[in-house]
């Protein structure tokens, strides 16, 4: 079982999002405890972060350290032309 940890930046971004969307994002992030067997997760190449989780119109960027079983949520962004 993995532990999900939010960075200060990601927590701040979640507070700025509508409560309904924020709750949905948190629920999906909690499912990341089952990494690497998760749906809507894509490994990224040539990007600052290792993975991306798709939640509606939002993208959650995170890193996964399989050795110590920690999923670190780095950023939460609304999907648009500047997301990637």
C-alpha atoms as a PDB file:
ATOM      1  CA  UNK A   1       0.000   0.000   0.000  1.00  0.00           C
ATOM      2  CA  UNK A   2       1.308   3.445  -0.935  1.00  0.00           C
ATOM      3  CA  UNK A   3       0.997   6.733   0.901  1.00  0.00           C
ATOM      4  CA  UNK A   4      -0.323   9.818  -0.919  1.00  0.00           C
ATOM      5  CA  UNK A   5       1.381  13.106   0.054  1.00  0.00           C
ATOM      6  CA  UNK A   6       0.451  16.576  -1.228  1.00  0.00           C
ATOM      7  CA  UNK A   7       3.062  19.278  -1.687  1.00  0.00           C
ATOM      8  CA  UNK A   8       2.290  22.754  -0.362  1.00  0.00           C
ATOM      9  CA  UNK A   9       1.821  23.991  -3.942  1.00  0.00           C
ATOM     10  CA  UNK A  10      -0.684  21.237  -4.795  1.00  0.00           C
ATOM     11  CA  UNK A  11      -2.664  21.822  -1.587  1.00  0.00           C
ATOM     12  CA  UNK A  12      -2.884  25.541  -2.385  1.00  0.00           C
ATOM     13  CA  UNK A  13      -4.056  24.793  -5.939  1.00  0.00           C
ATOM     14  CA  UNK A  14      -6.737  22.438  -4.587  1.00  0.00           C
ATOM     15  CA  UNK A  15      -8.041  25.137  -2.224  1.00  0.00           C
ATOM     16  CA  UNK A  16      -8.535  27.500  -5.189  1.00  0.00           C
ATOM     17  CA  UNK A  17     -10.639  24.986  -7.143  1.00  0.00           C
ATOM     18  CA  UNK A  18     -14.417  24.696  -6.715  1.00  0.00           C
ATOM     19  CA  UNK A  19     -15.252  22.423  -3.741  1.00  0.00           C
ATOM     20  CA  UNK A  20     -17.061  19.857  -5.916  1.00  0.00           C
ATOM     21  CA  UNK A  21     -14.076  19.509  -8.239  1.00  0.00           C
ATOM     22  CA  UNK A  22     -11.604  19.530  -5.365  1.00  0.00           C
ATOM     23  CA  UNK A  23     -13.432  16.664  -3.662  1.00  0.00           C
ATOM     24  CA  UNK A  24     -13.467  14.624  -6.883  1.00  0.00           C
ATOM     25  CA  UNK A  25      -9.732  15.217  -7.351  1.00  0.00           C
ATOM     26  CA  UNK A  26      -8.960  14.183  -3.765  1.00  0.00           C
ATOM     27  CA  UNK A  27     -11.053  11.022  -4.160  1.00  0.00           C
ATOM     28  CA  UNK A  28      -9.146  10.045  -7.305  1.00  0.00           C
ATOM     29  CA  UNK A  29      -5.809  10.866  -5.679  1.00  0.00           C
ATOM     30  CA  UNK A  30      -6.676   8.566  -2.775  1.00  0.00           C
ATOM     31  CA  UNK A  31      -7.008   5.735  -5.290  1.00  0.00           C
ATOM     32  CA  UNK A  32      -3.326   6.204  -6.115  1.00  0.00           C
ATOM     33  CA  UNK A  33      -2.511   4.095  -3.066  1.00  0.00           C
ATOM     34  CA  UNK A  34      -2.816   1.188  -5.497  1.00  0.00           C
ATOM     35  CA  UNK A  35      -0.018   2.458  -7.768  1.00  0.00           C
ATOM     36  CA  UNK A  36       1.089   1.206 -10.272  1.00  0.00           C
ATOM     37  CA  UNK A  37      -2.281  -0.479 -10.977  1.00  0.00           C
ATOM     38  CA  UNK A  38      -4.439   2.648 -11.368  1.00  0.00           C
ATOM     39  CA  UNK A  39      -6.724   3.881 -14.125  1.00  0.00           C
ATOM     40  CA  UNK A  40      -6.452   7.279 -15.862  1.00  0.00           C
ATOM     41  CA  UNK A  41      -2.721   7.425 -15.082  1.00  0.00           C
ATOM     42  CA  UNK A  42      -0.176   8.012 -17.804  1.00  0.00           C
ATOM     43  CA  UNK A  43       3.603   7.992 -17.577  1.00  0.00           C
ATOM     44  CA  UNK A  44       5.055  11.218 -18.962  1.00  0.00           C
ATOM     45  CA  UNK A  45       8.207  11.591 -21.015  1.00  0.00           C
ATOM     46  CA  UNK A  46      10.266  14.785 -21.255  1.00  0.00           C
ATOM     47  CA  UNK A  47       8.237  16.369 -18.466  1.00  0.00           C
ATOM     48  CA  UNK A  48       9.042  17.729 -15.021  1.00  0.00           C
ATOM     49  CA  UNK A  49       6.922  15.053 -13.327  1.00  0.00           C
ATOM     50  CA  UNK A  50       6.768  11.278 -13.827  1.00  0.00           C
ATOM     51  CA  UNK A  51       2.994  10.730 -14.109  1.00  0.00           C
ATOM     52  CA  UNK A  52      -0.291  12.450 -14.797  1.00  0.00           C
ATOM     53  CA  UNK A  53      -3.736  11.566 -13.458  1.00  0.00           C
ATOM     54  CA  UNK A  54      -6.763  12.665 -15.451  1.00  0.00           C
ATOM     55  CA  UNK A  55      -9.790  13.837 -13.418  1.00  0.00           C
ATOM     56  CA  UNK A  56     -12.431  15.466 -15.621  1.00  0.00           C
ATOM     57  CA  UNK A  57     -11.010  18.752 -16.933  1.00  0.00           C
ATOM     58  CA  UNK A  58      -8.173  18.674 -14.435  1.00  0.00           C
ATOM     59  CA  UNK A  59      -4.741  17.071 -14.522  1.00  0.00           C
ATOM     60  CA  UNK A  60      -2.861  15.987 -11.432  1.00  0.00           C
ATOM     61  CA  UNK A  61       0.895  15.731 -11.887  1.00  0.00           C
ATOM     62  CA  UNK A  62       2.758  13.488  -9.492  1.00  0.00           C
ATOM     63  CA  UNK A  63       5.879  11.471  -8.835  1.00  0.00           C
ATOM     64  CA  UNK A  64       5.913   7.903  -7.567  1.00  0.00           C
ATOM     65  CA  UNK A  65       8.733   6.404  -5.553  1.00  0.00           C
ATOM     66  CA  UNK A  66       8.099   2.677  -5.660  1.00  0.00           C
ATOM     67  CA  UNK A  67      10.985   1.874  -3.328  1.00  0.00           C
ATOM     68  CA  UNK A  68       9.457   3.614  -0.317  1.00  0.00           C
ATOM     69  CA  UNK A  69       5.831   3.543  -1.531  1.00  0.00           C
ATOM     70  CA  UNK A  70       5.085   7.286  -1.623  1.00  0.00           C
ATOM     71  CA  UNK A  71       2.976   9.073  -4.236  1.00  0.00           C
ATOM     72  CA  UNK A  72       3.752  12.808  -4.127  1.00  0.00           C
ATOM     73  CA  UNK A  73       1.076  15.045  -5.650  1.00  0.00           C
ATOM     74  CA  UNK A  74       3.024  17.955  -7.142  1.00  0.00           C
ATOM     75  CA  UNK A  75       0.517  20.082  -9.090  1.00  0.00           C
ATOM     76  CA  UNK A  76      -3.169  20.286  -9.964  1.00  0.00           C
ATOM     77  CA  UNK A  77      -4.039  22.218 -13.127  1.00  0.00           C
ATOM     78  CA  UNK A  78      -7.127  22.802 -15.213  1.00  0.00           C
ATOM     79  CA  UNK A  79      -6.648  21.312 -18.658  1.00  0.00           C
ATOM     80  CA  UNK A  80      -5.942  23.951 -21.300  1.00  0.00           C
ATOM     81  CA  UNK A  81      -3.246  24.836 -23.824  1.00  0.00           C
ATOM     82  CA  UNK A  82      -0.760  25.742 -21.037  1.00  0.00           C
ATOM     83  CA  UNK A  83      -1.197  22.579 -18.938  1.00  0.00           C
ATOM     84  CA  UNK A  84       1.713  20.696 -20.470  1.00  0.00           C
END
